Amino acid sequence: MIFITVGTHEQPFNRLLKEIDELKKNNIIHDQVIVQSGYSSYIPKYCMAKRFFSLTKMADLIDKARIVVTHGGPASFIQVLQAGKIPIVVPRQEKYHEHINDHQVDFVKLIEKDKNNIIPIYNIKDLKNAIVDYDKYILNKNSIVNNNVQFNKRFATIVNELFE
């Protein structure tokens, strides 16, 4: 399954939804596609879409997805990274009236350069290759390390030592 999320920003992100729908329609995407469409006015015809999901459902969809495509909002793609996956990130762009400025483009470029743990898509026509060749794209990407398990083990050791 492929999960698409456009976040909760009030401007539509029709450009992304139309491209995903077209890829599904033309059998370029064979997976089931579930879309969180937010305030977009385009309604996908070939994908299952819902405007919003609960936080719990979003986490579940991210966990179950083979590929997650997000907008450039940090909360969305960081959640995917924390789930141990490399997201495809399509930043919203001002010139398409998807946001009030290009801060998502700037932030995605910064993360791409500094962390190398996302697959950025600046030209929507590049999305096809990122999805089709996803497994090749992630080979040279850094995954995020979740330190929760290590922290809990160290914390348990400290607590146990206090009672010895």
C-alpha atoms as a PDB file:
ATOM      1  CA  MET A   1       0.000   0.000   0.000  1.00  0.00           C
ATOM      2  CA  ILE A   2       1.095   3.554  -0.704  1.00  0.00           C
ATOM      3  CA  PHE A   3      -0.052   6.283   1.667  1.00  0.00           C
ATOM      4  CA  ILE A   4      -0.236   9.919   0.571  1.00  0.00           C
ATOM      5  CA  THR A   5      -0.681  12.778   3.047  1.00  0.00           C
ATOM      6  CA  VAL A   6      -1.059  16.460   2.211  1.00  0.00           C
ATOM      7  CA  GLY A   7      -1.356  17.592   5.832  1.00  0.00           C
ATOM      8  CA  THR A   8      -3.831  20.047   7.282  1.00  0.00           C
ATOM      9  CA  HIS A   9      -2.863  23.315   5.562  1.00  0.00           C
ATOM     10  CA  GLU A  10      -5.993  25.030   4.243  1.00  0.00           C
ATOM     11  CA  GLN A  11      -4.751  25.536   0.662  1.00  0.00           C
ATOM     12  CA  PRO A  12      -5.351  22.670  -1.802  1.00  0.00           C
ATOM     13  CA  PHE A  13      -2.536  20.396  -2.951  1.00  0.00           C
ATOM     14  CA  ASN A  14      -4.293  19.266  -6.121  1.00  0.00           C
ATOM     15  CA  ARG A  15      -1.035  18.995  -8.106  1.00  0.00           C
ATOM     16  CA  LEU A  16       0.118  16.047  -5.985  1.00  0.00           C
ATOM     17  CA  LEU A  17      -3.271  14.329  -5.901  1.00  0.00           C
ATOM     18  CA  LYS A  18      -3.776  14.621  -9.664  1.00  0.00           C
ATOM     19  CA  GLU A  19      -0.326  13.143 -10.358  1.00  0.00           C
ATOM     20  CA  ILE A  20      -0.880  10.207  -7.983  1.00  0.00           C
ATOM     21  CA  ASP A  21      -4.319   9.552  -9.471  1.00  0.00           C
ATOM     22  CA  GLU A  22      -2.858   9.629 -12.992  1.00  0.00           C
ATOM     23  CA  LEU A  23      -0.097   7.164 -12.024  1.00  0.00           C
ATOM     24  CA  LYS A  24      -2.710   4.825 -10.541  1.00  0.00           C
ATOM     25  CA  LYS A  25      -5.043   5.212 -13.528  1.00  0.00           C
ATOM     26  CA  ASN A  26      -2.237   4.309 -15.952  1.00  0.00           C
ATOM     27  CA  ASN A  27      -1.214   1.237 -13.907  1.00  0.00           C
ATOM     28  CA  ILE A  28       2.188   2.685 -13.129  1.00  0.00           C
ATOM     29  CA  ILE A  29       1.276   2.240  -9.479  1.00  0.00           C
ATOM     30  CA  HIS A  30       0.025  -1.288  -8.803  1.00  0.00           C
ATOM     31  CA  ASP A  31      -0.288  -0.920  -5.017  1.00  0.00           C
ATOM     32  CA  GLN A  32      -3.448   0.160  -3.285  1.00  0.00           C
ATOM     33  CA  VAL A  33      -3.244   3.932  -2.718  1.00  0.00           C
ATOM     34  CA  ILE A  34      -4.793   5.638   0.310  1.00  0.00           C
ATOM     35  CA  VAL A  35      -4.868   9.429   0.278  1.00  0.00           C
ATOM     36  CA  GLN A  36      -5.356  11.953   3.076  1.00  0.00           C
ATOM     37  CA  SER A  37      -6.552  14.801   0.850  1.00  0.00           C
ATOM     38  CA  GLY A  38      -7.057  17.597   3.372  1.00  0.00           C
ATOM     39  CA  TYR A  39      -8.510  20.757   1.878  1.00  0.00           C
ATOM     40  CA  SER A  40      -7.726  19.796  -1.710  1.00  0.00           C
ATOM     41  CA  SER A  41     -10.573  20.293  -4.153  1.00  0.00           C
ATOM     42  CA  TYR A  42      -9.446  17.474  -6.462  1.00  0.00           C
ATOM     43  CA  ILE A  43     -11.073  14.177  -5.529  1.00  0.00           C
ATOM     44  CA  PRO A  44      -9.031  11.133  -6.631  1.00  0.00           C
ATOM     45  CA  LYS A  45     -10.930   8.727  -8.867  1.00  0.00           C
ATOM     46  CA  TYR A  46      -8.507   5.781  -8.743  1.00  0.00           C
ATOM     47  CA  CYS A  47      -7.367   5.971  -5.122  1.00  0.00           C
ATOM     48  CA  MET A  48      -9.201   5.682  -1.812  1.00  0.00           C
ATOM     49  CA  ALA A  49      -9.310   9.195  -0.352  1.00  0.00           C
ATOM     50  CA  LYS A  50     -10.472  10.773   2.870  1.00  0.00           C
ATOM     51  CA  ARG A  51     -10.013  14.402   3.892  1.00  0.00           C
ATOM     52  CA  PHE A  52      -8.586  13.667   7.346  1.00  0.00           C
ATOM     53  CA  PHE A  53      -7.656  10.683   9.517  1.00  0.00           C
ATOM     54  CA  SER A  54      -7.204  10.576  13.270  1.00  0.00           C
ATOM     55  CA  LEU A  55      -3.631  10.663  14.583  1.00  0.00           C
ATOM     56  CA  THR A  56      -3.925   6.982  15.489  1.00  0.00           C
ATOM     57  CA  LYS A  57      -5.159   6.046  12.021  1.00  0.00           C
ATOM     58  CA  MET A  58      -2.414   8.141  10.390  1.00  0.00           C
ATOM     59  CA  ALA A  59       0.239   6.298  12.416  1.00  0.00           C
ATOM     60  CA  ASP A  60      -1.334   2.965  11.453  1.00  0.00           C
ATOM     61  CA  LEU A  61      -1.376   3.861   7.744  1.00  0.00           C
ATOM     62  CA  ILE A  62       2.249   5.012   7.879  1.00  0.00           C
ATOM     63  CA  ASP A  63       3.263   1.759   9.602  1.00  0.00           C
ATOM     64  CA  LYS A  64       1.426  -0.395   7.043  1.00  0.00           C
ATOM     65  CA  ALA A  65       2.513   1.524   3.946  1.00  0.00           C
ATOM     66  CA  ARG A  66       5.290   0.296   1.703  1.00  0.00           C
ATOM     67  CA  ILE A  67       5.822   3.886   0.540  1.00  0.00           C
ATOM     68  CA  VAL A  68       4.701   7.152   2.138  1.00  0.00           C
ATOM     69  CA  VAL A  69       4.461  10.350   0.084  1.00  0.00           C
ATOM     70  CA  THR A  70       4.075  13.553   2.098  1.00  0.00           C
ATOM     71  CA  HIS A  71       3.959  17.280   1.565  1.00  0.00           C
ATOM     72  CA  GLY A  72       6.950  19.256   2.870  1.00  0.00           C
ATOM     73  CA  GLY A  73       5.562  19.932   6.334  1.00  0.00           C
ATOM     74  CA  PRO A  74       8.117  18.764   8.914  1.00  0.00           C
ATOM     75  CA  ALA A  75       5.582  17.100  11.220  1.00  0.00           C
ATOM     76  CA  SER A  76       4.366  14.864   8.393  1.00  0.00           C
ATOM     77  CA  PHE A  77       7.675  13.631   7.069  1.00  0.00           C
ATOM     78  CA  ILE A  78       9.329  13.407  10.493  1.00  0.00           C
ATOM     79  CA  GLN A  79       6.526  11.076  11.595  1.00  0.00           C
ATOM     80  CA  VAL A  80       7.402   8.831   8.648  1.00  0.00           C
ATOM     81  CA  LEU A  81      11.109   8.928   9.547  1.00  0.00           C
ATOM     82  CA  GLN A  82      10.281   8.019  13.150  1.00  0.00           C
ATOM     83  CA  ALA A  83       8.408   4.989  11.825  1.00  0.00           C
ATOM     84  CA  GLY A  84      11.697   3.875  10.254  1.00  0.00           C
ATOM     85  CA  LYS A  85      10.780   4.702   6.655  1.00  0.00           C
ATOM     86  CA  ILE A  86      12.261   6.990   4.035  1.00  0.00           C
ATOM     87  CA  PRO A  87       9.487   9.326   2.831  1.00  0.00           C
ATOM     88  CA  ILE A  88       9.037  10.781  -0.617  1.00  0.00           C
ATOM     89  CA  VAL A  89       8.562  14.486   0.103  1.00  0.00           C
ATOM     90  CA  VAL A  90       6.804  16.840  -2.312  1.00  0.00           C
ATOM     91  CA  PRO A  91       7.001  20.373  -0.944  1.00  0.00           C
ATOM     92  CA  ARG A  92       4.078  22.685  -1.551  1.00  0.00           C
ATOM     93  CA  GLN A  93       5.007  25.614  -3.788  1.00  0.00           C
ATOM     94  CA  GLU A  94       3.812  29.210  -3.765  1.00  0.00           C
ATOM     95  CA  LYS A  95       3.688  29.472  -7.574  1.00  0.00           C
ATOM     96  CA  TYR A  96       0.950  26.808  -7.614  1.00  0.00           C
ATOM     97  CA  HIS A  97      -0.953  28.548  -4.785  1.00  0.00           C
ATOM     98  CA  GLU A  98      -0.321  25.575  -2.484  1.00  0.00           C
ATOM     99  CA  HIS A  99       1.172  27.726   0.278  1.00  0.00           C
ATOM    100  CA  ILE A 100       1.814  31.382   1.100  1.00  0.00           C
ATOM    101  CA  ASN A 101       5.557  31.100   0.339  1.00  0.00           C
ATOM    102  CA  ASP A 102       8.227  28.527  -0.503  1.00  0.00           C
ATOM    103  CA  HIS A 103       9.366  27.690   3.028  1.00  0.00           C
ATOM    104  CA  GLN A 104       8.591  24.000   2.424  1.00  0.00           C
ATOM    105  CA  VAL A 105      10.906  23.958  -0.601  1.00  0.00           C
ATOM    106  CA  ASP A 106      13.655  25.663   1.404  1.00  0.00           C
ATOM    107  CA  PHE A 107      13.250  23.311   4.367  1.00  0.00           C
ATOM    108  CA  VAL A 108      13.170  20.164   2.218  1.00  0.00           C
ATOM    109  CA  LYS A 109      16.381  21.278   0.458  1.00  0.00           C
ATOM    110  CA  LEU A 110      18.035  21.799   3.848  1.00  0.00           C
ATOM    111  CA  ILE A 111      16.996  18.352   5.125  1.00  0.00           C
ATOM    112  CA  GLU A 112      18.039  16.728   1.846  1.00  0.00           C
ATOM    113  CA  LYS A 113      21.514  18.284   2.118  1.00  0.00           C
ATOM    114  CA  ASP A 114      22.086  17.912   5.866  1.00  0.00           C
ATOM    115  CA  LYS A 115      20.381  14.589   6.629  1.00  0.00           C
ATOM    116  CA  ASN A 116      20.019  12.734   3.290  1.00  0.00           C
ATOM    117  CA  ASN A 117      17.057  10.808   4.708  1.00  0.00           C
ATOM    118  CA  ILE A 118      14.212  11.871   2.412  1.00  0.00           C
ATOM    119  CA  ILE A 119      13.482  11.591  -1.298  1.00  0.00           C
ATOM    120  CA  PRO A 120      12.648  15.145  -2.383  1.00  0.00           C
ATOM    121  CA  ILE A 121      10.469  15.827  -5.400  1.00  0.00           C
ATOM    122  CA  TYR A 122      10.564  19.414  -6.698  1.00  0.00           C
ATOM    123  CA  ASN A 123       9.175  18.627 -10.155  1.00  0.00           C
ATOM    124  CA  ILE A 124       5.961  16.586  -9.907  1.00  0.00           C
ATOM    125  CA  LYS A 125       6.900  14.591 -13.032  1.00  0.00           C
ATOM    126  CA  ASP A 126       9.820  13.089 -11.049  1.00  0.00           C
ATOM    127  CA  LEU A 127       7.356  11.412  -8.677  1.00  0.00           C
ATOM    128  CA  LYS A 128       6.782   8.511 -11.076  1.00  0.00           C
ATOM    129  CA  ASN A 129      10.432   7.388 -10.985  1.00  0.00           C
ATOM    130  CA  ALA A 130      10.679   7.860  -7.218  1.00  0.00           C
ATOM    131  CA  ILE A 131       7.730   5.501  -6.728  1.00  0.00           C
ATOM    132  CA  VAL A 132       8.648   2.957  -9.419  1.00  0.00           C
ATOM    133  CA  ASP A 133      12.312   2.826  -8.330  1.00  0.00           C
ATOM    134  CA  TYR A 134      11.722   3.472  -4.615  1.00  0.00           C
ATOM    135  CA  ASP A 135      13.855   0.546  -3.447  1.00  0.00           C
ATOM    136  CA  LYS A 136      16.823   1.877  -5.464  1.00  0.00           C
ATOM    137  CA  TYR A 137      16.320   5.427  -4.192  1.00  0.00           C
ATOM    138  CA  ILE A 138      16.467   4.415  -0.534  1.00  0.00           C
ATOM    139  CA  LEU A 139      19.730   2.479  -0.873  1.00  0.00           C
ATOM    140  CA  ASN A 140      21.853   5.602  -0.436  1.00  0.00           C
ATOM    141  CA  LYS A 141      19.665   7.355   2.127  1.00  0.00           C
ATOM    142  CA  ASN A 142      20.262   7.595   5.864  1.00  0.00           C
ATOM    143  CA  SER A 143      17.525   6.228   8.091  1.00  0.00           C
ATOM    144  CA  ILE A 144      16.679   7.970  11.338  1.00  0.00           C
ATOM    145  CA  VAL A 145      17.774   6.239  14.511  1.00  0.00           C
ATOM    146  CA  ASN A 146      15.092   5.969  17.157  1.00  0.00           C
ATOM    147  CA  ASN A 147      16.855   6.171  20.512  1.00  0.00           C
ATOM    148  CA  ASN A 148      13.805   5.294  22.650  1.00  0.00           C
ATOM    149  CA  VAL A 149      14.830   1.662  23.217  1.00  0.00           C
ATOM    150  CA  GLN A 150      18.406   2.581  24.125  1.00  0.00           C
ATOM    151  CA  PHE A 151      17.197   5.373  26.410  1.00  0.00           C
ATOM    152  CA  ASN A 152      14.777   3.053  28.203  1.00  0.00           C
ATOM    153  CA  LYS A 153      17.493   0.429  28.767  1.00  0.00           C
ATOM    154  CA  ARG A 154      19.912   3.007  30.164  1.00  0.00           C
ATOM    155  CA  PHE A 155      17.205   4.534  32.328  1.00  0.00           C
ATOM    156  CA  ALA A 156      16.233   1.104  33.700  1.00  0.00           C
ATOM    157  CA  THR A 157      19.893   0.429  34.553  1.00  0.00           C
ATOM    158  CA  ILE A 158      20.153   3.735  36.437  1.00  0.00           C
ATOM    159  CA  VAL A 159      16.945   3.073  38.365  1.00  0.00           C
ATOM    160  CA  ASN A 160      18.030  -0.478  39.213  1.00  0.00           C
ATOM    161  CA  GLU A 161      21.392   0.765  40.443  1.00  0.00           C
ATOM    162  CA  LEU A 162      19.633   3.217  42.760  1.00  0.00           C
ATOM    163  CA  PHE A 163      17.934   0.316  44.544  1.00  0.00           C
ATOM    164  CA  GLU A 164      20.983  -1.938  44.860  1.00  0.00           C
END
